[in-house]
Amino acid sequence: MRLTIHRLTHLPEQHHQHAGLILQQHTLPEKQPFLLATFNDKAVAMAWHRQEQIVFFAVRDITRRRGVGSELLRRLKEQAKAEGLTRLELNLNNAPEQQTEALAAFFEQAGFHRQQGVLSCSLYS
């Protein structure tokens, strides 16, 4: 099997259990698309944005460092660009404290620039 990124507006029943491990205390956006990454038909990562702000981005810890996050971010950028956005931002103050530095390193490696706790990236560079 291979990694598949789905653009959805509701979570299929078969992914509820694994999605719960990704979401933890977060809830899915209502009436707004989100991205779900699956591998071997199991949810391994999720992300969504509202306007230029990345609201949620998470990869299950057992799946990290295998390219899942990079592919998810690539697709999130594509989606934002298709919606007419010119940039994306991630506010590190909204990230869990124990994950802030790893998250910042991942996004900086992907071309985001940090300024006062906010990571941002132009979609046309």
PDB file of N, CA and C in Angstrom:
ATOM      1  N   MET A   1       0.831  -1.182   0.000  1.00  0.00           N
ATOM      2  CA  MET A   1       0.000   0.000   0.000  1.00  0.00           C
ATOM      3  C   MET A   1       0.875   1.245   0.000  1.00  0.00           C
ATOM      4  N   ARG A   2       0.238   2.355  -0.324  1.00  0.00           N
ATOM      5  CA  ARG A   2       0.995   3.589  -0.364  1.00  0.00           C
ATOM      6  C   ARG A   2       0.276   4.681   0.410  1.00  0.00           C
ATOM      7  N   LEU A   3       0.979   5.761   0.614  1.00  0.00           N
ATOM      8  CA  LEU A   3       0.417   6.912   1.290  1.00  0.00           C
ATOM      9  C   LEU A   3      -0.603   7.580   0.372  1.00  0.00           C
ATOM     10  N   THR A   4      -1.760   7.901   0.935  1.00  0.00           N
ATOM     11  CA  THR A   4      -2.798   8.591   0.187  1.00  0.00           C
ATOM     12  C   THR A   4      -3.258   9.785   1.006  1.00  0.00           C
ATOM     13  N   ILE A   5      -3.394  10.932   0.355  1.00  0.00           N
ATOM     14  CA  ILE A   5      -3.892  12.133   1.018  1.00  0.00           C
ATOM     15  C   ILE A   5      -5.301  12.381   0.491  1.00  0.00           C
ATOM     16  N   HIS A   6      -6.255  12.436   1.390  1.00  0.00           N
ATOM     17  CA  HIS A   6      -7.655  12.648   1.042  1.00  0.00           C
ATOM     18  C   HIS A   6      -8.065  14.060   1.457  1.00  0.00           C
ATOM     19  N   ARG A   7      -8.815  14.730   0.613  1.00  0.00           N
ATOM     20  CA  ARG A   7      -9.407  16.021   0.970  1.00  0.00           C
ATOM     21  C   ARG A   7     -10.871  15.731   1.296  1.00  0.00           C
ATOM     22  N   LEU A   8     -11.249  15.935   2.563  1.00  0.00           N
ATOM     23  CA  LEU A   8     -12.568  15.534   3.043  1.00  0.00           C
ATOM     24  C   LEU A   8     -13.289  16.670   3.761  1.00  0.00           C
ATOM     25  N   THR A   9     -14.582  16.514   3.925  1.00  0.00           N
ATOM     26  CA  THR A   9     -15.365  17.427   4.762  1.00  0.00           C
ATOM     27  C   THR A   9     -15.990  16.686   5.944  1.00  0.00           C
ATOM     28  N   HIS A  10     -15.910  15.352   5.923  1.00  0.00           N
ATOM     29  CA  HIS A  10     -16.327  14.553   7.079  1.00  0.00           C
ATOM     30  C   HIS A  10     -15.423  13.322   7.154  1.00  0.00           C
ATOM     31  N   LEU A  11     -15.276  12.803   8.344  1.00  0.00           N
ATOM     32  CA  LEU A  11     -14.375  11.684   8.581  1.00  0.00           C
ATOM     33  C   LEU A  11     -15.109  10.360   8.391  1.00  0.00           C
ATOM     34  N   PRO A  12     -14.641   9.511   7.478  1.00  0.00           N
ATOM     35  CA  PRO A  12     -15.264   8.191   7.312  1.00  0.00           C
ATOM     36  C   PRO A  12     -15.144   7.364   8.599  1.00  0.00           C
ATOM     37  N   GLU A  13     -16.157   6.586   8.864  1.00  0.00           N
ATOM     38  CA  GLU A  13     -16.235   5.786  10.091  1.00  0.00           C
ATOM     39  C   GLU A  13     -14.990   4.926  10.319  1.00  0.00           C
ATOM     40  N   GLN A  14     -14.461   4.320   9.251  1.00  0.00           N
ATOM     41  CA  GLN A  14     -13.322   3.414   9.420  1.00  0.00           C
ATOM     42  C   GLN A  14     -12.053   4.118   9.915  1.00  0.00           C
ATOM     43  N   HIS A  15     -12.029   5.458   9.880  1.00  0.00           N
ATOM     44  CA  HIS A  15     -10.828   6.187  10.315  1.00  0.00           C
ATOM     45  C   HIS A  15     -10.990   6.840  11.682  1.00  0.00           C
ATOM     46  N   HIS A  16     -12.124   6.694  12.320  1.00  0.00           N
ATOM     47  CA  HIS A  16     -12.370   7.367  13.594  1.00  0.00           C
ATOM     48  C   HIS A  16     -11.348   6.994  14.670  1.00  0.00           C
ATOM     49  N   GLN A  17     -11.035   5.729  14.810  1.00  0.00           N
ATOM     50  CA  GLN A  17     -10.129   5.306  15.875  1.00  0.00           C
ATOM     51  C   GLN A  17      -8.736   5.921  15.717  1.00  0.00           C
ATOM     52  N   HIS A  18      -8.147   5.768  14.542  1.00  0.00           N
ATOM     53  CA  HIS A  18      -6.796   6.305  14.343  1.00  0.00           C
ATOM     54  C   HIS A  18      -6.787   7.830  14.282  1.00  0.00           C
ATOM     55  N   ALA A  19      -7.846   8.417  13.745  1.00  0.00           N
ATOM     56  CA  ALA A  19      -7.944   9.876  13.718  1.00  0.00           C
ATOM     57  C   ALA A  19      -7.986  10.426  15.141  1.00  0.00           C
ATOM     58  N   GLY A  20      -8.636   9.710  16.029  1.00  0.00           N
ATOM     59  CA  GLY A  20      -8.670  10.125  17.423  1.00  0.00           C
ATOM     60  C   GLY A  20      -7.284  10.193  18.034  1.00  0.00           C
ATOM     61  N   LEU A  21      -6.401   9.298  17.640  1.00  0.00           N
ATOM     62  CA  LEU A  21      -5.017   9.318  18.126  1.00  0.00           C
ATOM     63  C   LEU A  21      -4.266  10.536  17.594  1.00  0.00           C
ATOM     64  N   ILE A  22      -4.619  10.976  16.397  1.00  0.00           N
ATOM     65  CA  ILE A  22      -3.975  12.145  15.797  1.00  0.00           C
ATOM     66  C   ILE A  22      -4.543  13.426  16.401  1.00  0.00           C
ATOM     67  N   LEU A  23      -5.859  13.505  16.479  1.00  0.00           N
ATOM     68  CA  LEU A  23      -6.532  14.725  16.937  1.00  0.00           C
ATOM     69  C   LEU A  23      -6.348  14.984  18.422  1.00  0.00           C
ATOM     70  N   GLN A  24      -6.271  13.941  19.226  1.00  0.00           N
ATOM     71  CA  GLN A  24      -6.230  14.035  20.682  1.00  0.00           C
ATOM     72  C   GLN A  24      -7.380  14.900  21.164  1.00  0.00           C
ATOM     73  N   GLN A  25      -7.150  16.065  21.727  1.00  0.00           N
ATOM     74  CA  GLN A  25      -8.242  16.880  22.253  1.00  0.00           C
ATOM     75  C   GLN A  25      -8.830  17.838  21.218  1.00  0.00           C
ATOM     76  N   HIS A  26      -8.330  17.871  20.011  1.00  0.00           N
ATOM     77  CA  HIS A  26      -8.821  18.769  18.971  1.00  0.00           C
ATOM     78  C   HIS A  26     -10.061  18.190  18.284  1.00  0.00           C
ATOM     79  N   THR A  27     -10.848  19.051  17.697  1.00  0.00           N
ATOM     80  CA  THR A  27     -12.019  18.609  16.944  1.00  0.00           C
ATOM     81  C   THR A  27     -11.867  19.027  15.488  1.00  0.00           C
ATOM     82  N   LEU A  28     -12.462  18.248  14.618  1.00  0.00           N
ATOM     83  CA  LEU A  28     -12.419  18.555  13.190  1.00  0.00           C
ATOM     84  C   LEU A  28     -13.205  19.830  12.900  1.00  0.00           C
ATOM     85  N   PRO A  29     -12.792  20.553  11.878  1.00  0.00           N
ATOM     86  CA  PRO A  29     -13.554  21.757  11.515  1.00  0.00           C
ATOM     87  C   PRO A  29     -14.913  21.369  10.944  1.00  0.00           C
ATOM     88  N   GLU A  30     -15.905  22.187  11.225  1.00  0.00           N
ATOM     89  CA  GLU A  30     -17.238  21.932  10.684  1.00  0.00           C
ATOM     90  C   GLU A  30     -17.382  22.609   9.333  1.00  0.00           C
ATOM     91  N   LYS A  31     -17.916  21.881   8.370  1.00  0.00           N
ATOM     92  CA  LYS A  31     -18.205  22.408   7.033  1.00  0.00           C
ATOM     93  C   LYS A  31     -16.988  23.040   6.374  1.00  0.00           C
ATOM     94  N   GLN A  32     -15.832  22.522   6.662  1.00  0.00           N
ATOM     95  CA  GLN A  32     -14.594  23.029   6.088  1.00  0.00           C
ATOM     96  C   GLN A  32     -13.729  21.833   5.716  1.00  0.00           C
ATOM     97  N   PRO A  33     -13.118  21.852   4.539  1.00  0.00           N
ATOM     98  CA  PRO A  33     -12.288  20.713   4.148  1.00  0.00           C
ATOM     99  C   PRO A  33     -11.054  20.556   5.046  1.00  0.00           C
ATOM    100  N   PHE A  34     -10.634  19.318   5.186  1.00  0.00           N
ATOM    101  CA  PHE A  34      -9.399  19.009   5.890  1.00  0.00           C
ATOM    102  C   PHE A  34      -8.697  17.907   5.109  1.00  0.00           C
ATOM    103  N   LEU A  35      -7.421  17.733   5.390  1.00  0.00           N
ATOM    104  CA  LEU A  35      -6.647  16.685   4.736  1.00  0.00           C
ATOM    105  C   LEU A  35      -6.418  15.541   5.705  1.00  0.00           C
ATOM    106  N   LEU A  36      -6.605  14.336   5.207  1.00  0.00           N
ATOM    107  CA  LEU A  36      -6.370  13.122   5.978  1.00  0.00           C
ATOM    108  C   LEU A  36      -5.390  12.265   5.197  1.00  0.00           C
ATOM    109  N   ALA A  37      -4.272  11.934   5.819  1.00  0.00           N
ATOM    110  CA  ALA A  37      -3.294  11.043   5.199  1.00  0.00           C
ATOM    111  C   ALA A  37      -3.515   9.641   5.739  1.00  0.00           C
ATOM    112  N   THR A  38      -3.581   8.683   4.817  1.00  0.00           N
ATOM    113  CA  THR A  38      -3.736   7.289   5.224  1.00  0.00           C
ATOM    114  C   THR A  38      -2.602   6.460   4.641  1.00  0.00           C
ATOM    115  N   PHE A  39      -2.240   5.438   5.383  1.00  0.00           N
ATOM    116  CA  PHE A  39      -1.251   4.463   4.927  1.00  0.00           C
ATOM    117  C   PHE A  39      -1.770   3.102   5.356  1.00  0.00           C
ATOM    118  N   ASN A  40      -1.843   2.167   4.417  1.00  0.00           N
ATOM    119  CA  ASN A  40      -2.444   0.856   4.691  1.00  0.00           C
ATOM    120  C   ASN A  40      -3.843   1.015   5.289  1.00  0.00           C
ATOM    121  N   ASP A  41      -4.565   1.978   4.761  1.00  0.00           N
ATOM    122  CA  ASP A  41      -5.945   2.266   5.154  1.00  0.00           C
ATOM    123  C   ASP A  41      -6.099   2.647   6.625  1.00  0.00           C
ATOM    124  N   LYS A  42      -5.038   3.185   7.217  1.00  0.00           N
ATOM    125  CA  LYS A  42      -5.088   3.697   8.583  1.00  0.00           C
ATOM    126  C   LYS A  42      -4.729   5.173   8.554  1.00  0.00           C
ATOM    127  N   ALA A  43      -5.463   5.974   9.298  1.00  0.00           N
ATOM    128  CA  ALA A  43      -5.173   7.406   9.383  1.00  0.00           C
ATOM    129  C   ALA A  43      -3.826   7.609  10.069  1.00  0.00           C
ATOM    130  N   VAL A  44      -2.935   8.377   9.430  1.00  0.00           N
ATOM    131  CA  VAL A  44      -1.611   8.610  10.008  1.00  0.00           C
ATOM    132  C   VAL A  44      -1.294  10.090  10.204  1.00  0.00           C
ATOM    133  N   ALA A  45      -2.063  10.984   9.562  1.00  0.00           N
ATOM    134  CA  ALA A  45      -1.803  12.420   9.699  1.00  0.00           C
ATOM    135  C   ALA A  45      -3.020  13.213   9.264  1.00  0.00           C
ATOM    136  N   MET A  46      -3.131  14.431   9.799  1.00  0.00           N
ATOM    137  CA  MET A  46      -4.242  15.317   9.443  1.00  0.00           C
ATOM    138  C   MET A  46      -3.765  16.765   9.468  1.00  0.00           C
ATOM    139  N   ALA A  47      -4.423  17.590   8.654  1.00  0.00           N
ATOM    140  CA  ALA A  47      -4.104  19.021   8.634  1.00  0.00           C
ATOM    141  C   ALA A  47      -5.274  19.797   8.053  1.00  0.00           C
ATOM    142  N   TRP A  48      -5.382  21.052   8.460  1.00  0.00           N
ATOM    143  CA  TRP A  48      -6.309  21.972   7.819  1.00  0.00           C
ATOM    144  C   TRP A  48      -5.882  23.396   8.114  1.00  0.00           C
ATOM    145  N   HIS A  49      -6.406  24.294   7.299  1.00  0.00           N
ATOM    146  CA  HIS A  49      -6.110  25.706   7.471  1.00  0.00           C
ATOM    147  C   HIS A  49      -7.403  26.504   7.392  1.00  0.00           C
ATOM    148  N   ARG A  50      -7.359  27.699   7.919  1.00  0.00           N
ATOM    149  CA  ARG A  50      -8.460  28.655   7.808  1.00  0.00           C
ATOM    150  C   ARG A  50      -7.830  29.939   7.304  1.00  0.00           C
ATOM    151  N   GLN A  51      -8.246  30.328   6.115  1.00  0.00           N
ATOM    152  CA  GLN A  51      -7.610  31.458   5.435  1.00  0.00           C
ATOM    153  C   GLN A  51      -6.112  31.146   5.333  1.00  0.00           C
ATOM    154  N   GLU A  52      -5.250  32.070   5.740  1.00  0.00           N
ATOM    155  CA  GLU A  52      -3.800  31.859   5.616  1.00  0.00           C
ATOM    156  C   GLU A  52      -3.199  31.127   6.815  1.00  0.00           C
ATOM    157  N   GLN A  53      -3.993  30.836   7.820  1.00  0.00           N
ATOM    158  CA  GLN A  53      -3.493  30.253   9.061  1.00  0.00           C
ATOM    159  C   GLN A  53      -3.627  28.731   9.072  1.00  0.00           C
ATOM    160  N   ILE A  54      -2.513  28.040   9.279  1.00  0.00           N
ATOM    161  CA  ILE A  54      -2.577  26.591   9.494  1.00  0.00           C
ATOM    162  C   ILE A  54      -3.108  26.405  10.912  1.00  0.00           C
ATOM    163  N   VAL A  55      -4.265  25.796  11.011  1.00  0.00           N
ATOM    164  CA  VAL A  55      -4.933  25.631  12.295  1.00  0.00           C
ATOM    165  C   VAL A  55      -4.488  24.342  12.975  1.00  0.00           C
ATOM    166  N   PHE A  56      -4.299  23.298  12.186  1.00  0.00           N
ATOM    167  CA  PHE A  56      -3.944  21.997  12.748  1.00  0.00           C
ATOM    168  C   PHE A  56      -3.044  21.263  11.767  1.00  0.00           C
ATOM    169  N   PHE A  57      -1.978  20.671  12.293  1.00  0.00           N
ATOM    170  CA  PHE A  57      -1.059  19.875  11.489  1.00  0.00           C
ATOM    171  C   PHE A  57      -0.445  18.843  12.428  1.00  0.00           C
ATOM    172  N   ALA A  58      -0.723  17.563  12.194  1.00  0.00           N
ATOM    173  CA  ALA A  58      -0.187  16.524  13.081  1.00  0.00           C
ATOM    174  C   ALA A  58       0.034  15.229  12.318  1.00  0.00           C
ATOM    175  N   VAL A  59       1.132  14.578  12.648  1.00  0.00           N
ATOM    176  CA  VAL A  59       1.486  13.264  12.113  1.00  0.00           C
ATOM    177  C   VAL A  59       1.656  12.333  13.307  1.00  0.00           C
ATOM    178  N   ARG A  60       1.050  11.169  13.231  1.00  0.00           N
ATOM    179  CA  ARG A  60       1.204  10.210  14.338  1.00  0.00           C
ATOM    180  C   ARG A  60       2.678   9.933  14.578  1.00  0.00           C
ATOM    181  N   ASP A  61       3.048   9.859  15.838  1.00  0.00           N
ATOM    182  CA  ASP A  61       4.456   9.685  16.192  1.00  0.00           C
ATOM    183  C   ASP A  61       5.068   8.424  15.594  1.00  0.00           C
ATOM    184  N   ILE A  62       4.319   7.354  15.450  1.00  0.00           N
ATOM    185  CA  ILE A  62       4.878   6.114  14.884  1.00  0.00           C
ATOM    186  C   ILE A  62       5.128   6.215  13.382  1.00  0.00           C
ATOM    187  N   THR A  63       4.653   7.292  12.758  1.00  0.00           N
ATOM    188  CA  THR A  63       4.793   7.456  11.310  1.00  0.00           C
ATOM    189  C   THR A  63       5.764   8.568  10.950  1.00  0.00           C
ATOM    190  N   ARG A  64       6.282   9.275  11.917  1.00  0.00           N
ATOM    191  CA  ARG A  64       7.150  10.417  11.641  1.00  0.00           C
ATOM    192  C   ARG A  64       8.471   9.988  11.017  1.00  0.00           C
ATOM    193  N   ARG A  65       9.062  10.941  10.295  1.00  0.00           N
ATOM    194  CA  ARG A  65      10.364  10.784   9.645  1.00  0.00           C
ATOM    195  C   ARG A  65      10.324   9.777   8.494  1.00  0.00           C
ATOM    196  N   ARG A  66       9.155   9.717   7.837  1.00  0.00           N
ATOM    197  CA  ARG A  66       8.994   8.833   6.675  1.00  0.00           C
ATOM    198  C   ARG A  66       8.438   9.579   5.468  1.00  0.00           C
ATOM    199  N   GLY A  67       8.387  10.905   5.551  1.00  0.00           N
ATOM    200  CA  GLY A  67       7.901  11.702   4.437  1.00  0.00           C
ATOM    201  C   GLY A  67       6.419  12.019   4.460  1.00  0.00           C
ATOM    202  N   VAL A  68       5.703  11.512   5.451  1.00  0.00           N
ATOM    203  CA  VAL A  68       4.265  11.749   5.540  1.00  0.00           C
ATOM    204  C   VAL A  68       3.990  13.241   5.736  1.00  0.00           C
ATOM    205  N   GLY A  69       4.673  13.860   6.685  1.00  0.00           N
ATOM    206  CA  GLY A  69       4.471  15.286   6.953  1.00  0.00           C
ATOM    207  C   GLY A  69       4.825  16.151   5.761  1.00  0.00           C
ATOM    208  N   SER A  70       5.895  15.812   5.071  1.00  0.00           N
ATOM    209  CA  SER A  70       6.301  16.580   3.888  1.00  0.00           C
ATOM    210  C   SER A  70       5.243  16.517   2.800  1.00  0.00           C
ATOM    211  N   GLU A  71       4.698  15.338   2.566  1.00  0.00           N
ATOM    212  CA  GLU A  71       3.656  15.190   1.549  1.00  0.00           C
ATOM    213  C   GLU A  71       2.371  15.892   1.984  1.00  0.00           C
ATOM    214  N   LEU A  72       2.027  15.790   3.258  1.00  0.00           N
ATOM    215  CA  LEU A  72       0.841  16.457   3.766  1.00  0.00           C
ATOM    216  C   LEU A  72       0.973  17.978   3.621  1.00  0.00           C
ATOM    217  N   LEU A  73       2.137  18.509   3.956  1.00  0.00           N
ATOM    218  CA  LEU A  73       2.367  19.939   3.830  1.00  0.00           C
ATOM    219  C   LEU A  73       2.333  20.373   2.366  1.00  0.00           C
ATOM    220  N   ARG A  74       2.897  19.579   1.489  1.00  0.00           N
ATOM    221  CA  ARG A  74       2.861  19.891   0.059  1.00  0.00           C
ATOM    222  C   ARG A  74       1.417  20.008  -0.423  1.00  0.00           C
ATOM    223  N   ARG A  75       0.596  19.062  -0.032  1.00  0.00           N
ATOM    224  CA  ARG A  75      -0.814  19.076  -0.436  1.00  0.00           C
ATOM    225  C   ARG A  75      -1.583  20.224   0.221  1.00  0.00           C
ATOM    226  N   LEU A  76      -1.239  20.559   1.461  1.00  0.00           N
ATOM    227  CA  LEU A  76      -1.879  21.690   2.132  1.00  0.00           C
ATOM    228  C   LEU A  76      -1.556  22.986   1.388  1.00  0.00           C
ATOM    229  N   LYS A  77      -0.307  23.139   0.955  1.00  0.00           N
ATOM    230  CA  LYS A  77       0.094  24.309   0.171  1.00  0.00           C
ATOM    231  C   LYS A  77      -0.647  24.357  -1.158  1.00  0.00           C
ATOM    232  N   GLU A  78      -0.747  23.217  -1.830  1.00  0.00           N
ATOM    233  CA  GLU A  78      -1.488  23.154  -3.098  1.00  0.00           C
ATOM    234  C   GLU A  78      -2.932  23.582  -2.904  1.00  0.00           C
ATOM    235  N   GLN A  79      -3.561  23.084  -1.866  1.00  0.00           N
ATOM    236  CA  GLN A  79      -4.956  23.414  -1.583  1.00  0.00           C
ATOM    237  C   GLN A  79      -5.105  24.916  -1.335  1.00  0.00           C
ATOM    238  N   ALA A  80      -4.222  25.480  -0.523  1.00  0.00           N
ATOM    239  CA  ALA A  80      -4.285  26.912  -0.217  1.00  0.00           C
ATOM    240  C   ALA A  80      -4.081  27.752  -1.485  1.00  0.00           C
ATOM    241  N   LYS A  81      -3.155  27.352  -2.306  1.00  0.00           N
ATOM    242  CA  LYS A  81      -2.881  28.061  -3.559  1.00  0.00           C
ATOM    243  C   LYS A  81      -4.098  27.994  -4.488  1.00  0.00           C
ATOM    244  N   ALA A  82      -4.730  26.837  -4.579  1.00  0.00           N
ATOM    245  CA  ALA A  82      -5.926  26.671  -5.412  1.00  0.00           C
ATOM    246  C   ALA A  82      -7.080  27.542  -4.907  1.00  0.00           C
ATOM    247  N   GLU A  83      -7.071  27.842  -3.616  1.00  0.00           N
ATOM    248  CA  GLU A  83      -8.097  28.703  -3.031  1.00  0.00           C
ATOM    249  C   GLU A  83      -7.766  30.184  -3.191  1.00  0.00           C
ATOM    250  N   GLY A  84      -6.640  30.482  -3.850  1.00  0.00           N
ATOM    251  CA  GLY A  84      -6.270  31.866  -4.108  1.00  0.00           C
ATOM    252  C   GLY A  84      -5.409  32.514  -3.048  1.00  0.00           C
ATOM    253  N   LEU A  85      -4.936  31.742  -2.079  1.00  0.00           N
ATOM    254  CA  LEU A  85      -4.070  32.302  -1.044  1.00  0.00           C
ATOM    255  C   LEU A  85      -2.657  32.471  -1.575  1.00  0.00           C
ATOM    256  N   THR A  86      -1.922  33.415  -1.023  1.00  0.00           N
ATOM    257  CA  THR A  86      -0.550  33.660  -1.459  1.00  0.00           C
ATOM    258  C   THR A  86       0.484  33.219  -0.434  1.00  0.00           C
ATOM    259  N   ARG A  87       0.014  32.929   0.803  1.00  0.00           N
ATOM    260  CA  ARG A  87       0.945  32.507   1.850  1.00  0.00           C
ATOM    261  C   ARG A  87       0.224  31.660   2.883  1.00  0.00           C
ATOM    262  N   LEU A  88       1.011  30.944   3.672  1.00  0.00           N
ATOM    263  CA  LEU A  88       0.492  30.190   4.817  1.00  0.00           C
ATOM    264  C   LEU A  88       1.319  30.552   6.036  1.00  0.00           C
ATOM    265  N   GLU A  89       0.672  30.545   7.180  1.00  0.00           N
ATOM    266  CA  GLU A  89       1.347  30.840   8.436  1.00  0.00           C
ATOM    267  C   GLU A  89       0.964  29.826   9.502  1.00  0.00           C
ATOM    268  N   LEU A  90       1.894  29.594  10.416  1.00  0.00           N
ATOM    269  CA  LEU A  90       1.656  28.728  11.564  1.00  0.00           C
ATOM    270  C   LEU A  90       2.115  29.472  12.803  1.00  0.00           C
ATOM    271  N   ASN A  91       1.190  29.697  13.735  1.00  0.00           N
ATOM    272  CA  ASN A  91       1.515  30.369  14.978  1.00  0.00           C
ATOM    273  C   ASN A  91       1.994  29.320  15.976  1.00  0.00           C
ATOM    274  N   LEU A  92       3.247  29.380  16.348  1.00  0.00           N
ATOM    275  CA  LEU A  92       3.826  28.397  17.270  1.00  0.00           C
ATOM    276  C   LEU A  92       3.232  28.490  18.674  1.00  0.00           C
ATOM    277  N   ASN A  93       2.646  29.622  19.014  1.00  0.00           N
ATOM    278  CA  ASN A  93       2.033  29.771  20.336  1.00  0.00           C
ATOM    279  C   ASN A  93       0.826  28.852  20.498  1.00  0.00           C
ATOM    280  N   ASN A  94       0.262  28.384  19.380  1.00  0.00           N
ATOM    281  CA  ASN A  94      -0.895  27.489  19.433  1.00  0.00           C
ATOM    282  C   ASN A  94      -0.487  26.012  19.461  1.00  0.00           C
ATOM    283  N   ALA A  95       0.798  25.737  19.317  1.00  0.00           N
ATOM    284  CA  ALA A  95       1.299  24.353  19.299  1.00  0.00           C
ATOM    285  C   ALA A  95       1.568  23.882  20.725  1.00  0.00           C
ATOM    286  N   PRO A  96       1.437  22.571  20.963  1.00  0.00           N
ATOM    287  CA  PRO A  96       1.800  22.035  22.283  1.00  0.00           C
ATOM    288  C   PRO A  96       3.264  22.363  22.595  1.00  0.00           C
ATOM    289  N   GLU A  97       3.510  22.833  23.794  1.00  0.00           N
ATOM    290  CA  GLU A  97       4.841  23.314  24.171  1.00  0.00           C
ATOM    291  C   GLU A  97       5.943  22.282  23.929  1.00  0.00           C
ATOM    292  N   GLN A  98       5.672  21.012  24.237  1.00  0.00           N
ATOM    293  CA  GLN A  98       6.695  19.980  24.083  1.00  0.00           C
ATOM    294  C   GLN A  98       6.990  19.670  22.617  1.00  0.00           C
ATOM    295  N   GLN A  99       6.169  20.142  21.693  1.00  0.00           N
ATOM    296  CA  GLN A  99       6.378  19.870  20.270  1.00  0.00           C
ATOM    297  C   GLN A  99       6.810  21.101  19.480  1.00  0.00           C
ATOM    298  N   THR A 100       6.889  22.246  20.120  1.00  0.00           N
ATOM    299  CA  THR A 100       7.149  23.503  19.416  1.00  0.00           C
ATOM    300  C   THR A 100       8.445  23.482  18.620  1.00  0.00           C
ATOM    301  N   GLU A 101       9.533  23.073  19.237  1.00  0.00           N
ATOM    302  CA  GLU A 101      10.827  23.128  18.542  1.00  0.00           C
ATOM    303  C   GLU A 101      10.910  22.144  17.379  1.00  0.00           C
ATOM    304  N   ALA A 102      10.395  20.941  17.568  1.00  0.00           N
ATOM    305  CA  ALA A 102      10.398  19.955  16.479  1.00  0.00           C
ATOM    306  C   ALA A 102       9.513  20.420  15.333  1.00  0.00           C
ATOM    307  N   LEU A 103       8.369  20.989  15.663  1.00  0.00           N
ATOM    308  CA  LEU A 103       7.454  21.507  14.650  1.00  0.00           C
ATOM    309  C   LEU A 103       8.106  22.668  13.893  1.00  0.00           C
ATOM    310  N   ALA A 104       8.739  23.571  14.620  1.00  0.00           N
ATOM    311  CA  ALA A 104       9.425  24.703  13.989  1.00  0.00           C
ATOM    312  C   ALA A 104      10.537  24.212  13.069  1.00  0.00           C
ATOM    313  N   ALA A 105      11.316  23.248  13.510  1.00  0.00           N
ATOM    314  CA  ALA A 105      12.399  22.716  12.678  1.00  0.00           C
ATOM    315  C   ALA A 105      11.852  22.089  11.400  1.00  0.00           C
ATOM    316  N   PHE A 106      10.762  21.338  11.518  1.00  0.00           N
ATOM    317  CA  PHE A 106      10.154  20.716  10.342  1.00  0.00           C
ATOM    318  C   PHE A 106       9.691  21.777   9.343  1.00  0.00           C
ATOM    319  N   PHE A 107       8.952  22.783   9.826  1.00  0.00           N
ATOM    320  CA  PHE A 107       8.425  23.814   8.929  1.00  0.00           C
ATOM    321  C   PHE A 107       9.542  24.693   8.360  1.00  0.00           C
ATOM    322  N   GLU A 108      10.570  24.985   9.141  1.00  0.00           N
ATOM    323  CA  GLU A 108      11.695  25.774   8.625  1.00  0.00           C
ATOM    324  C   GLU A 108      12.432  25.010   7.535  1.00  0.00           C
ATOM    325  N   GLN A 109      12.592  23.713   7.712  1.00  0.00           N
ATOM    326  CA  GLN A 109      13.231  22.886   6.679  1.00  0.00           C
ATOM    327  C   GLN A 109      12.387  22.871   5.400  1.00  0.00           C
ATOM    328  N   ALA A 110      11.079  23.056   5.549  1.00  0.00           N
ATOM    329  CA  ALA A 110      10.165  23.059   4.402  1.00  0.00           C
ATOM    330  C   ALA A 110      10.035  24.449   3.775  1.00  0.00           C
ATOM    331  N   GLY A 111      10.842  25.414   4.215  1.00  0.00           N
ATOM    332  CA  GLY A 111      10.843  26.728   3.587  1.00  0.00           C
ATOM    333  C   GLY A 111      10.094  27.816   4.326  1.00  0.00           C
ATOM    334  N   PHE A 112       9.585  27.531   5.517  1.00  0.00           N
ATOM    335  CA  PHE A 112       8.910  28.550   6.313  1.00  0.00           C
ATOM    336  C   PHE A 112       9.963  29.361   7.062  1.00  0.00           C
ATOM    337  N   HIS A 113       9.659  30.620   7.317  1.00  0.00           N
ATOM    338  CA  HIS A 113      10.573  31.505   8.033  1.00  0.00           C
ATOM    339  C   HIS A 113       9.920  31.943   9.334  1.00  0.00           C
ATOM    340  N   ARG A 114      10.718  31.953  10.414  1.00  0.00           N
ATOM    341  CA  ARG A 114      10.187  32.285  11.739  1.00  0.00           C
ATOM    342  C   ARG A 114      10.405  33.758  12.034  1.00  0.00           C
ATOM    343  N   GLN A 115       9.331  34.388  12.515  1.00  0.00           N
ATOM    344  CA  GLN A 115       9.420  35.774  12.960  1.00  0.00           C
ATOM    345  C   GLN A 115       8.441  35.959  14.110  1.00  0.00           C
ATOM    346  N   GLN A 116       8.966  36.220  15.281  1.00  0.00           N
ATOM    347  CA  GLN A 116       8.177  36.466  16.484  1.00  0.00           C
ATOM    348  C   GLN A 116       7.151  35.361  16.750  1.00  0.00           C
ATOM    349  N   GLY A 117       7.576  34.118  16.714  1.00  0.00           N
ATOM    350  CA  GLY A 117       6.711  32.998  17.045  1.00  0.00           C
ATOM    351  C   GLY A 117       5.772  32.555  15.937  1.00  0.00           C
ATOM    352  N   VAL A 118       5.888  33.161  14.759  1.00  0.00           N
ATOM    353  CA  VAL A 118       5.046  32.790  13.624  1.00  0.00           C
ATOM    354  C   VAL A 118       5.931  32.304  12.480  1.00  0.00           C
ATOM    355  N   LEU A 119       5.587  31.168  11.940  1.00  0.00           N
ATOM    356  CA  LEU A 119       6.280  30.636  10.770  1.00  0.00           C
ATOM    357  C   LEU A 119       5.442  30.972   9.555  1.00  0.00           C
ATOM    358  N   SER A 120       6.067  31.488   8.500  1.00  0.00           N
ATOM    359  CA  SER A 120       5.291  31.824   7.304  1.00  0.00           C
ATOM    360  C   SER A 120       6.048  31.423   6.051  1.00  0.00           C
ATOM    361  N   CYS A 121       5.262  31.207   5.001  1.00  0.00           N
ATOM    362  CA  CYS A 121       5.824  30.753   3.740  1.00  0.00           C
ATOM    363  C   CYS A 121       4.996  31.332   2.595  1.00  0.00           C
ATOM    364  N   SER A 122       5.672  31.880   1.606  1.00  0.00           N
ATOM    365  CA  SER A 122       4.992  32.330   0.394  1.00  0.00           C
ATOM    366  C   SER A 122       4.694  31.105  -0.448  1.00  0.00           C
ATOM    367  N   LEU A 123       3.512  31.064  -1.037  1.00  0.00           N
ATOM    368  CA  LEU A 123       3.124  29.926  -1.892  1.00  0.00           C
ATOM    369  C   LEU A 123       3.626  30.095  -3.315  1.00  0.00           C
ATOM    370  N   TYR A 124       4.256  31.227  -3.593  1.00  0.00           N
ATOM    371  CA  TYR A 124       4.730  31.498  -4.959  1.00  0.00           C
ATOM    372  C   TYR A 124       6.225  31.738  -5.014  1.00  0.00           C
ATOM    373  N   SER A 125       6.982  31.111  -4.123  1.00  0.00           N
ATOM    374  CA  SER A 125       8.445  31.294  -4.174  1.00  0.00           C
ATOM    375  C   SER A 125       9.142  30.093  -4.724  1.00  0.00           C
TER     376      SER A 125
END
